[in-house]
Amino acid sequence: MGDKKVDGAGSGGLRVAVHESGGGQDLVNLLLSKFDSFEQQMKDLRTEVIKIDENQKTFMISCKEEFNKIITNLIENFKVCNNDIKVLKNENEKLKGEIQSLKFHYNQNIQYLRFNNGVRLLNVPESAGNNCLQIFKKICQVIDFPYRENMIDHCYRVKAKHSDFYTVIVKFVTNLDKVEFIKLKKLKHLQLTSEIFSLTGEKKPIYISELLSPYYAQLFREVKQIQAKHRFKYVWFRNCRIFIRATDGALIESISSFEDLQLFLEKVGDKTPQLTYSGDNIDDTGTDTSGTSKKISKKRKVKSLKKNLQQGSLERFLSQSDN
C-alpha cells in the first residue's frame, strides 16, 4: 500500500503523515486524544485564571472598601482627638493661670505674715555692740523717728560670714510705723554712717531696706542685676510687686513673679536663660543678741498666754454651767 496523508485531524488542524500499514491509525488516534486532553487542560487553566482574576478583583474591592472605612474612622477619631486636645489645652492654660495665681497669693501671704512689717539695717559694724535695740534707737534719733517701746515686736541680728559687719532685723508691730520709718530714712540716708556710733576709722554707710521674704528677695536681686545691665534708672519694691522705670517719664513695668520677669526680658530683647526661684528657705531667726528684744518678745508671749488662759477658764465655766 502507498502513503496516506491525513489533513485537518483534530481541532488543532494537525497535519500528520502516516503509513497505512503497521497500525498507523491507532497512533493517530492516540495523538489526537492527547491533544484533545491538552486542549481541555488549557481551557480549564484559562477558566481557573479567570476565576482567580475575578476573586482578586473582588478581594481588592473588598480591601479598598475596608481601607476606606478604616480611613474614615481614623479621620473621625482624629477630629475627636483634636477637639479633646483643644479642650485639654484650654483647661491646661486655665490650670496654669490658677496655679500662677495661687503661687502669687502664697508668696504674698508669706510676705505679709512674716516679713511685711520688718526692715533690715545693713552694714552695721561689729564694733557697734550687740544690743540691737540700742542700735535701732540710735538710728531713730538720727532720722528723727519717734521711737516708742510698744512699737517693736522683735529685734535681732544676723551675723555675716567672714565679715566685720552684720545685719539687724527690726520687726514693727504695725506696718504704719514701718512705712513712716522708711519715709524718714529716705530724707536723711546720707547721715546714716558708722560715725553715728562714735566709731573711729573709715566711715561706711549704713543701708536700710524693707525686709523681704526669700522669694521676693531673690526676685529683687535678679531685677537689680537686670537694672545694672540695661541701666534702668529706677527699681523699687512695694506691696509684693517690683516696679521698673527705665527713664524719667517712661512707663512703669510691674513684676510680681519670675514668670513676669521672663516676659519683661523678652519684651526688652534680653536673651537671659529662664530664671526660676531656687527654693523656699524662710528661716529668718538669725542670732538674737538683744536682751531688750527678748524682754519684748517675752512680754508679748506672757500677755498672749494670759489671754488664752482666760478664754479657757470661761469655756470651762460655761461647760460646767451646761452640765
Protein backbone atom coordinates (compact mmCIF):
# COMPACT_ATOMS: atom_id res chain seq x y z
CA MET A 1 0.00 0.00 0.00
CA GLY A 2 1.14 3.55 -0.62
CA ASP A 3 1.47 6.52 1.86
CA LYS A 4 -1.69 8.20 3.07
CA LYS A 5 -1.85 11.77 4.37
CA VAL A 6 -4.33 12.85 7.00
CA ASP A 7 -5.12 16.57 6.95
CA GLY A 8 -7.09 18.55 9.47
CA ALA A 9 -7.08 15.88 12.12
CA GLY A 10 -8.31 17.17 15.43
CA SER A 11 -9.45 20.69 16.31
CA GLY A 12 -5.91 21.97 16.05
CA GLY A 13 -5.64 21.34 12.32
CA LEU A 14 -2.80 18.90 12.84
CA ARG A 15 -1.22 17.51 9.68
CA VAL A 16 0.16 14.00 10.21
CA ALA A 17 1.82 11.68 7.63
CA VAL A 18 1.50 8.00 8.44
CA HIS A 19 1.68 4.64 6.69
CA GLU A 20 -1.47 2.60 6.47
CA SER A 21 0.47 -0.47 7.40
CA GLY A 22 1.81 -1.11 10.89
CA GLY A 23 -1.12 0.26 12.94
CA GLY A 24 -0.66 3.87 11.89
CA GLN A 25 -4.31 4.69 12.50
CA ASP A 26 -4.01 3.81 16.21
CA LEU A 27 -1.10 6.20 16.60
CA VAL A 28 -3.06 9.00 15.02
CA ASN A 29 -5.99 8.36 17.31
CA LEU A 30 -3.65 8.40 20.38
CA LEU A 31 -2.08 11.67 19.39
CA LEU A 32 -5.42 13.23 18.72
CA SER A 33 -6.71 12.16 22.15
CA LYS A 34 -3.60 13.56 23.83
CA PHE A 35 -4.00 16.87 22.08
CA ASP A 36 -7.68 16.96 22.95
CA SER A 37 -6.74 16.35 26.59
CA PHE A 38 -4.10 19.08 26.48
CA GLU A 39 -6.57 21.47 24.92
CA GLN A 40 -9.08 20.74 27.68
CA GLN A 41 -6.44 21.31 30.34
CA MET A 42 -5.60 24.65 28.76
CA LYS A 43 -9.28 25.59 28.79
CA ASP A 44 -9.55 24.56 32.43
CA LEU A 45 -6.40 26.55 33.27
CA ARG A 46 -7.76 29.56 31.44
CA THR A 47 -11.02 29.24 33.37
CA GLU A 48 -9.10 28.96 36.65
CA VAL A 49 -7.03 32.03 35.81
CA ILE A 50 -10.17 33.99 35.01
CA LYS A 51 -11.71 32.85 38.30
CA ILE A 52 -8.58 33.82 40.23
CA ASP A 53 -8.55 37.19 38.49
CA GLU A 54 -12.20 37.74 39.42
CA ASN A 55 -11.51 36.68 43.01
CA GLN A 56 -8.55 39.01 43.11
CA LYS A 57 -10.64 41.87 41.84
CA THR A 58 -13.31 41.07 44.41
CA PHE A 59 -10.66 40.92 47.13
CA MET A 60 -9.16 44.24 46.04
CA ILE A 61 -12.59 45.86 46.03
CA SER A 62 -13.27 44.46 49.49
CA CYS A 63 -9.88 45.64 50.76
CA LYS A 64 -10.46 49.07 49.27
CA GLU A 65 -13.86 49.34 50.95
CA GLU A 66 -12.41 48.16 54.27
CA PHE A 67 -9.49 50.54 53.92
CA ASN A 68 -11.86 53.41 53.18
CA LYS A 69 -13.88 52.51 56.29
CA ILE A 70 -10.71 52.43 58.41
CA ILE A 71 -9.53 55.77 56.99
CA THR A 72 -12.96 57.29 57.61
CA ASN A 73 -12.94 56.03 61.21
CA LEU A 74 -9.40 57.32 61.70
CA ILE A 75 -10.38 60.74 60.37
CA GLU A 76 -13.37 60.85 62.71
CA ASN A 77 -11.25 59.71 65.64
CA PHE A 78 -8.60 62.27 64.74
CA LYS A 79 -11.22 65.02 64.75
CA VAL A 80 -12.46 63.86 68.15
CA CYS A 81 -8.89 63.65 69.50
CA ASN A 82 -8.09 67.06 68.06
CA ASN A 83 -11.13 68.56 69.78
CA ASP A 84 -10.17 66.79 73.02
CA ILE A 85 -6.64 68.18 72.73
CA LYS A 86 -8.01 71.68 72.26
CA VAL A 87 -10.22 71.26 75.33
CA LEU A 88 -7.29 69.89 77.34
CA LYS A 89 -5.08 72.75 76.18
CA ASN A 90 -7.68 75.27 77.30
CA GLU A 91 -8.07 73.51 80.64
CA ASN A 92 -4.28 73.33 80.98
CA GLU A 93 -3.97 77.06 80.34
CA LYS A 94 -6.67 77.72 82.92
CA LEU A 95 -4.92 75.47 85.44
CA LYS A 96 -1.60 77.19 84.73
CA GLY A 97 -3.28 80.53 85.36
CA GLU A 98 -4.84 79.25 88.59
CA ILE A 99 -1.51 77.80 89.74
CA GLN A 100 0.21 81.08 88.93
CA SER A 101 -2.44 82.93 90.93
CA LEU A 102 -2.07 80.51 93.85
CA LYS A 103 1.71 80.90 93.78
CA PHE A 104 1.36 84.68 93.79
CA HIS A 105 -1.07 84.67 96.71
CA TYR A 106 1.08 82.14 98.60
CA ASN A 107 4.20 84.29 98.22
CA GLN A 108 2.14 87.37 99.02
CA ASN A 109 0.80 85.80 102.22
CA ILE A 110 4.31 84.76 103.30
CA GLN A 111 5.49 88.32 102.76
CA TYR A 112 2.57 89.86 104.63
CA LEU A 113 2.53 87.39 107.52
CA ARG A 114 6.25 87.13 108.28
CA PHE A 115 8.14 89.95 106.62
CA ASN A 116 5.91 92.88 105.76
CA ASN A 117 6.41 94.83 108.99
CA GLY A 118 10.17 94.40 109.04
CA VAL A 119 13.23 96.37 107.97
CA ARG A 120 16.88 95.43 107.56
CA LEU A 121 19.74 97.55 108.86
CA LEU A 122 22.67 96.52 106.68
CA ASN A 123 26.38 97.08 107.10
CA VAL A 124 26.24 97.61 110.87
CA PRO A 125 29.85 97.38 112.19
CA GLU A 126 30.66 94.65 114.70
CA SER A 127 32.20 97.28 116.98
CA ALA A 128 28.80 98.98 117.36
CA GLY A 129 27.94 96.41 120.03
CA ASN A 130 25.49 93.58 120.50
CA ASN A 131 22.44 95.48 121.73
CA CYS A 132 20.38 95.57 118.58
CA LEU A 133 17.62 97.65 120.10
CA GLN A 134 20.06 100.36 121.17
CA ILE A 135 21.47 100.41 117.64
CA PHE A 136 17.97 100.85 116.28
CA LYS A 137 17.23 103.64 118.78
CA LYS A 138 20.37 105.45 117.69
CA ILE A 139 19.27 105.32 114.06
CA CYS A 140 15.83 106.60 115.09
CA GLN A 141 17.49 109.62 116.70
CA VAL A 142 19.46 110.39 113.55
CA ILE A 143 16.42 110.31 111.23
CA ASP A 144 14.08 111.96 113.81
CA PHE A 145 11.82 108.95 114.07
CA PRO A 146 9.70 108.97 117.28
CA TYR A 147 10.59 105.66 118.94
CA ARG A 148 8.12 104.03 121.38
CA GLU A 149 8.69 100.90 123.42
CA ASN A 150 5.50 99.19 122.25
CA MET A 151 6.13 99.67 118.52
CA ILE A 152 8.76 96.89 118.18
CA ASP A 153 7.74 93.24 118.03
CA HIS A 154 11.19 91.74 117.55
CA CYS A 155 14.76 92.91 117.04
CA TYR A 156 17.76 90.67 116.37
CA ARG A 157 21.00 90.44 114.42
CA VAL A 158 22.21 88.15 111.66
CA LYS A 159 25.97 87.75 111.51
CA ALA A 160 27.50 87.64 108.06
CA LYS A 161 30.19 85.03 107.39
CA HIS A 162 33.76 86.25 107.04
CA SER A 163 32.83 89.87 107.70
CA ASP A 164 33.17 92.51 110.44
CA PHE A 165 29.64 93.72 109.69
CA TYR A 166 26.24 92.27 110.41
CA THR A 167 22.57 92.85 109.68
CA VAL A 168 19.97 93.94 112.23
CA ILE A 169 16.38 92.82 111.64
CA VAL A 170 13.68 95.01 113.18
CA LYS A 171 10.03 93.93 113.07
CA PHE A 172 7.44 96.56 113.85
CA VAL A 173 4.08 95.82 115.42
CA THR A 174 2.26 97.77 112.73
CA ASN A 175 3.05 98.42 109.11
CA LEU A 176 2.28 102.11 109.52
CA ASP A 177 5.29 102.59 111.81
CA LYS A 178 7.50 100.74 109.33
CA VAL A 179 6.32 102.92 106.43
CA GLU A 180 6.96 106.07 108.46
CA PHE A 181 10.43 104.82 109.42
CA ILE A 182 11.32 104.11 105.76
CA LYS A 183 9.98 107.53 104.77
CA LEU A 184 12.13 109.41 107.28
CA LYS A 185 15.15 107.26 106.43
CA LYS A 186 14.99 108.40 102.80
CA LEU A 187 15.18 112.04 103.90
CA LYS A 188 18.37 111.54 105.93
CA HIS A 189 20.00 108.49 104.44
CA LEU A 190 23.24 110.40 103.81
CA GLN A 191 23.70 110.83 107.57
CA LEU A 192 23.44 107.09 108.25
CA THR A 193 27.10 106.06 108.52
CA SER A 194 29.29 104.30 111.06
CA GLU A 195 30.06 107.71 112.58
CA ILE A 196 26.72 107.76 114.40
CA PHE A 197 28.14 105.12 116.75
CA SER A 198 31.15 107.36 117.56
CA LEU A 199 33.47 104.87 115.94
CA THR A 200 36.93 105.69 114.66
CA GLY A 201 38.28 104.52 111.36
CA GLU A 202 36.86 104.51 107.87
CA LYS A 203 33.35 105.90 107.53
CA LYS A 204 30.98 103.37 105.98
CA PRO A 205 27.32 103.85 105.02
CA ILE A 206 24.55 102.01 106.81
CA TYR A 207 21.81 100.82 104.47
CA ILE A 208 18.17 100.36 105.42
CA SER A 209 15.71 98.39 103.31
CA GLU A 210 12.39 96.62 103.66
CA LEU A 211 12.53 93.04 104.90
CA LEU A 212 11.65 90.72 102.03
CA SER A 213 10.76 87.05 102.02
CA PRO A 214 13.31 84.75 100.33
CA TYR A 215 11.17 84.61 97.20
CA TYR A 216 10.89 88.36 96.75
CA ALA A 217 14.48 88.88 97.90
CA GLN A 218 15.78 86.62 95.11
CA LEU A 219 13.40 88.16 92.58
CA PHE A 220 14.53 91.66 93.62
CA ARG A 221 18.22 90.69 93.26
CA GLU A 222 17.58 89.39 89.75
CA VAL A 223 15.81 92.62 88.82
CA LYS A 224 18.66 94.71 90.25
CA GLN A 225 21.14 92.79 88.10
CA ILE A 226 18.98 93.46 85.05
CA GLN A 227 18.80 97.12 86.06
CA ALA A 228 22.59 97.34 86.11
CA LYS A 229 22.85 95.51 82.79
CA HIS A 230 20.33 97.71 80.95
CA ARG A 231 20.96 100.85 83.03
CA PHE A 232 17.37 101.31 84.12
CA LYS A 233 17.02 104.35 86.33
CA TYR A 234 14.50 103.27 88.96
CA VAL A 235 13.70 99.95 90.65
CA TRP A 236 11.65 99.68 93.82
CA PHE A 237 9.50 97.24 95.82
CA ARG A 238 6.01 97.93 97.08
CA ASN A 239 3.07 95.74 98.07
CA CYS A 240 4.62 92.48 96.87
CA ARG A 241 5.48 93.92 93.47
CA ILE A 242 8.70 95.16 91.94
CA PHE A 243 8.46 98.23 89.73
CA ILE A 244 10.85 99.27 86.99
CA ARG A 245 11.08 102.63 85.27
CA ALA A 246 13.81 102.87 82.64
CA THR A 247 13.95 106.66 82.49
CA ASP A 248 12.09 109.68 83.81
CA GLY A 249 8.64 109.76 82.24
CA ALA A 250 8.85 106.18 80.93
CA LEU A 251 6.10 103.65 81.55
CA ILE A 252 6.33 101.73 84.83
CA GLU A 253 6.66 97.97 84.47
CA SER A 254 5.27 95.77 87.25
CA ILE A 255 6.83 92.41 88.15
CA SER A 256 5.35 90.06 90.74
CA SER A 257 6.89 86.70 89.77
CA PHE A 258 9.72 85.08 87.86
CA GLU A 259 7.28 84.43 85.01
CA ASP A 260 6.58 88.16 84.81
CA LEU A 261 10.32 88.81 84.83
CA GLN A 262 10.82 86.40 81.91
CA LEU A 263 8.12 88.17 79.89
CA PHE A 264 9.74 91.50 80.67
CA LEU A 265 13.15 90.21 79.49
CA GLU A 266 11.61 89.07 76.21
CA LYS A 267 10.00 92.47 75.85
CA VAL A 268 13.32 94.32 76.16
CA GLY A 269 15.13 91.79 73.96
CA ASP A 270 17.19 90.23 76.75
CA LYS A 271 18.11 86.61 75.98
CA THR A 272 18.92 85.68 79.57
CA PRO A 273 18.06 81.98 80.21
CA GLN A 274 14.89 81.12 82.11
CA LEU A 275 15.12 82.40 85.69
CA THR A 276 13.48 80.36 88.45
CA TYR A 277 13.18 80.51 92.20
CA SER A 278 15.81 78.40 93.92
CA GLY A 279 13.55 77.29 96.79
CA ASP A 280 11.79 78.29 100.00
CA ASN A 281 14.23 78.92 102.77
CA ILE A 282 12.34 81.25 105.07
CA ASP A 283 14.48 80.81 108.15
CA ASP A 284 14.83 84.40 109.35
CA THR A 285 15.59 83.70 113.00
CA GLY A 286 19.23 84.77 112.88
CA THR A 287 21.26 85.25 116.07
CA ASP A 288 19.37 87.26 118.63
CA THR A 289 21.77 89.01 120.98
CA SER A 290 19.49 91.79 122.13
CA GLY A 291 18.36 91.32 125.73
CA THR A 292 15.78 94.07 125.39
CA SER A 293 14.34 92.39 122.33
CA LYS A 294 13.99 89.16 124.27
CA LYS A 295 12.14 91.01 127.01
CA ILE A 296 9.73 92.49 124.48
CA SER A 297 9.01 89.08 122.97
CA LYS A 298 8.64 87.53 126.44
CA LYS A 299 6.12 90.17 127.49
CA ARG A 300 4.05 89.54 124.38
CA LYS A 301 4.13 85.77 124.93
CA VAL A 302 3.02 86.19 128.59
CA LYS A 303 0.23 88.51 127.53
CA SER A 304 -0.94 86.04 124.88
CA LEU A 305 -0.75 83.15 127.37
CA LYS A 306 -2.88 85.05 129.92
CA LYS A 307 -5.45 85.78 127.24
CA ASN A 308 -5.65 82.10 126.27
CA LEU A 309 -5.95 81.04 129.92
CA GLN A 310 -8.78 83.50 130.48
CA GLN A 311 -10.59 82.21 127.42
CA GLY A 312 -10.04 78.62 128.59
CA SER A 313 -11.41 79.40 132.08
CA LEU A 314 -14.51 80.97 130.58
CA GLU A 315 -15.09 77.96 128.32
CA ARG A 316 -14.73 75.57 131.29
CA PHE A 317 -17.16 77.71 133.33
CA LEU A 318 -19.74 77.62 130.54
CA SER A 319 -19.36 73.87 130.08
CA GLN A 320 -19.90 73.29 133.83
CA SER A 321 -22.99 75.51 133.77
CA ASP A 322 -24.45 73.46 130.92
CA ASN A 323 -23.97 70.26 132.95
